Amino acid sequence: MDQPIRMAGSGAFKKALGELPFVGDLINVGVELFNPSEPDQIQKMKNALFVSGGGAAASLLTGGADAIPAFMELAGVVGEDFGAPKGPKAVNDAISKAPAYNVEHYLRLAAYGGRHAPTEEILKKAGHQGGFTDQTTGLGTLVMPRF
């Protein structure tokens, strides 16, 4: 045996996992543009630009780590839908707080100008106030997520 043992996480598998967040951001463009629950075409384009474009930028800046809370949130939603049994408290807490760390919720609030009731409800359920607040500094006014 002159060849090393190949383990999961090396080669093509590792490359595919590294690109998964970016693929999700690309798919999200179509999801936002063809969202049937948003009737306004201009708002659909804003959502695609802010949520998908901002998500791609976040993926680039974090090396794809921004996908972790999104996957945790998705796991929680799917688990609830299928009636999965609850896990240990630490796991349940992480899953229930994941939406507060998902950058896409804050990008969606920005796309709607700071107020979007369904997104704010998701963030409140995760323990965050939601929305934006103006933070006045010596240099001007910054629009920041409200903590």
Protein backbone atom coordinates (compact mmCIF):
# COMPACT_ATOMS: atom_id res chain seq x y z
CA MET A 1 0.00 0.00 0.00
CA ASP A 2 1.93 2.93 -1.26
CA GLN A 3 -1.03 5.34 -1.34
CA PRO A 4 -2.23 7.22 1.75
CA ILE A 5 -5.70 6.52 3.08
CA ARG A 6 -8.13 9.18 1.90
CA MET A 7 -10.41 10.49 4.60
CA ALA A 8 -13.63 12.48 4.37
CA GLY A 9 -12.88 16.18 4.23
CA SER A 10 -10.02 15.94 1.79
CA GLY A 11 -9.80 16.48 -1.94
CA ALA A 12 -13.01 17.02 -3.89
CA PHE A 13 -15.23 16.56 -0.83
CA LYS A 14 -13.47 19.37 1.03
CA LYS A 15 -13.69 21.66 -2.01
CA ALA A 16 -17.42 20.93 -2.44
CA LEU A 17 -18.11 21.68 1.23
CA GLY A 18 -16.17 24.94 0.97
CA GLU A 19 -18.29 26.09 -1.97
CA LEU A 20 -21.65 25.07 -0.48
CA PRO A 21 -22.37 28.46 1.16
CA PHE A 22 -21.72 30.28 -2.14
CA VAL A 23 -24.02 27.88 -4.02
CA GLY A 24 -26.69 28.60 -1.44
CA ASP A 25 -26.26 32.35 -1.98
CA LEU A 26 -26.66 31.89 -5.76
CA ILE A 27 -29.80 29.80 -5.31
CA ASN A 28 -31.13 32.46 -2.96
CA VAL A 29 -31.18 35.01 -5.82
CA GLY A 30 -33.82 32.94 -7.63
CA VAL A 31 -35.72 32.25 -4.43
CA GLU A 32 -35.96 35.97 -3.71
CA LEU A 33 -36.87 36.96 -7.28
CA PHE A 34 -39.66 34.36 -7.51
CA ASN A 35 -40.94 34.58 -3.92
CA PRO A 36 -44.74 34.16 -4.19
CA SER A 37 -45.37 35.74 -0.78
CA GLU A 38 -43.86 39.08 -1.91
CA PRO A 39 -46.23 40.79 -4.39
CA ASP A 40 -44.08 43.89 -5.09
CA GLN A 41 -41.60 43.31 -7.94
CA ILE A 42 -39.34 46.18 -6.80
CA GLN A 43 -39.17 44.69 -3.30
CA LYS A 44 -38.30 41.30 -4.80
CA MET A 45 -35.34 42.91 -6.58
CA LYS A 46 -34.28 44.69 -3.38
CA ASN A 47 -34.48 41.40 -1.49
CA ALA A 48 -32.40 39.64 -4.15
CA LEU A 49 -29.79 42.43 -4.04
CA PHE A 50 -29.61 42.87 -0.26
CA VAL A 51 -30.25 39.34 1.01
CA SER A 52 -28.54 37.36 -1.74
CA GLY A 53 -25.82 39.86 -2.62
CA GLY A 54 -25.14 40.66 1.01
CA GLY A 55 -25.19 36.95 1.83
CA ALA A 56 -22.59 36.29 -0.86
CA ALA A 57 -20.45 39.12 0.53
CA ALA A 58 -20.80 37.69 4.05
CA SER A 59 -19.83 34.25 2.76
CA LEU A 60 -16.78 35.72 1.07
CA LEU A 61 -15.74 37.71 4.14
CA THR A 62 -16.26 34.83 6.58
CA GLY A 63 -15.04 32.02 4.34
CA GLY A 64 -18.52 30.50 4.37
CA ALA A 65 -18.88 30.46 8.16
CA ASP A 66 -22.03 32.58 7.89
CA ALA A 67 -23.79 29.43 6.66
CA ILE A 68 -23.47 27.72 10.06
CA PRO A 69 -26.33 29.61 11.78
CA ALA A 70 -28.43 29.30 8.61
CA PHE A 71 -27.97 25.51 8.59
CA MET A 72 -28.70 25.34 12.33
CA GLU A 73 -31.87 27.37 11.82
CA LEU A 74 -32.90 25.12 8.92
CA ALA A 75 -32.26 22.02 11.05
CA GLY A 76 -34.49 23.42 13.78
CA VAL A 77 -37.32 24.23 11.37
CA VAL A 78 -37.12 20.82 9.67
CA GLY A 79 -36.92 19.10 13.04
CA GLU A 80 -40.04 20.89 14.27
CA ASP A 81 -41.91 20.13 11.03
CA PHE A 82 -41.13 16.41 11.27
CA GLY A 83 -41.61 16.18 15.05
CA ALA A 84 -38.01 15.26 15.80
CA PRO A 85 -37.32 14.59 19.49
CA LYS A 86 -35.63 17.35 21.44
CA GLY A 87 -31.92 16.96 22.06
CA PRO A 88 -29.75 18.10 24.97
CA LYS A 89 -30.41 21.59 26.33
CA ALA A 90 -27.21 23.04 24.85
CA VAL A 91 -28.17 21.84 21.37
CA ASN A 92 -31.74 23.13 21.72
CA ASP A 93 -30.47 26.50 22.92
CA ALA A 94 -28.03 26.79 20.00
CA ILE A 95 -30.75 25.91 17.48
CA SER A 96 -33.30 28.29 19.00
CA LYS A 97 -30.79 31.19 19.03
CA ALA A 98 -29.38 30.48 15.53
CA PRO A 99 -31.72 32.96 13.75
CA ALA A 100 -30.21 35.82 15.78
CA TYR A 101 -26.81 34.97 14.25
CA ASN A 102 -28.09 34.47 10.69
CA VAL A 103 -26.93 37.52 8.71
CA GLU A 104 -29.71 37.08 6.14
CA HIS A 105 -32.34 38.27 8.65
CA TYR A 106 -30.51 41.56 9.14
CA LEU A 107 -30.01 41.94 5.40
CA ARG A 108 -33.75 41.39 4.89
CA LEU A 109 -34.51 44.10 7.45
CA ALA A 110 -32.19 46.43 5.52
CA ALA A 111 -33.96 45.56 2.25
CA TYR A 112 -37.27 46.58 3.82
CA GLY A 113 -35.85 49.79 5.28
CA GLY A 114 -35.47 48.46 8.82
CA ARG A 115 -38.97 47.13 9.53
CA HIS A 116 -40.35 43.76 8.41
CA ALA A 117 -42.79 42.11 10.81
CA PRO A 118 -42.17 38.44 9.83
CA THR A 119 -38.39 38.83 10.14
CA GLU A 120 -38.69 40.74 13.39
CA GLU A 121 -40.89 37.94 14.77
CA ILE A 122 -38.23 35.34 13.90
CA LEU A 123 -35.56 37.44 15.60
CA LYS A 124 -37.71 38.07 18.71
CA LYS A 125 -38.36 34.34 19.04
CA ALA A 126 -34.56 33.85 18.95
CA GLY A 127 -34.13 36.39 21.75
CA HIS A 128 -33.25 39.46 19.67
CA GLN A 129 -35.25 42.70 19.45
CA GLY A 130 -35.02 42.95 15.66
CA GLY A 131 -35.13 46.11 13.61
CA PHE A 132 -32.57 48.86 13.27
CA THR A 133 -31.71 51.89 15.31
CA ASP A 134 -29.70 54.98 14.43
CA GLN A 135 -26.40 55.31 16.26
CA THR A 136 -25.16 58.90 16.14
CA THR A 137 -21.40 59.29 16.20
CA GLY A 138 -19.06 62.21 15.74
CA LEU A 139 -18.74 61.24 12.07
CA GLY A 140 -22.45 61.01 11.33
CA THR A 141 -25.27 58.52 11.77
CA LEU A 142 -24.79 54.79 11.39
CA VAL A 143 -27.70 52.41 10.94
CA MET A 144 -27.00 49.43 13.17
CA PRO A 145 -28.92 46.32 14.23
CA ARG A 146 -30.60 47.01 17.55
CA PHE A 147 -29.15 44.92 20.42
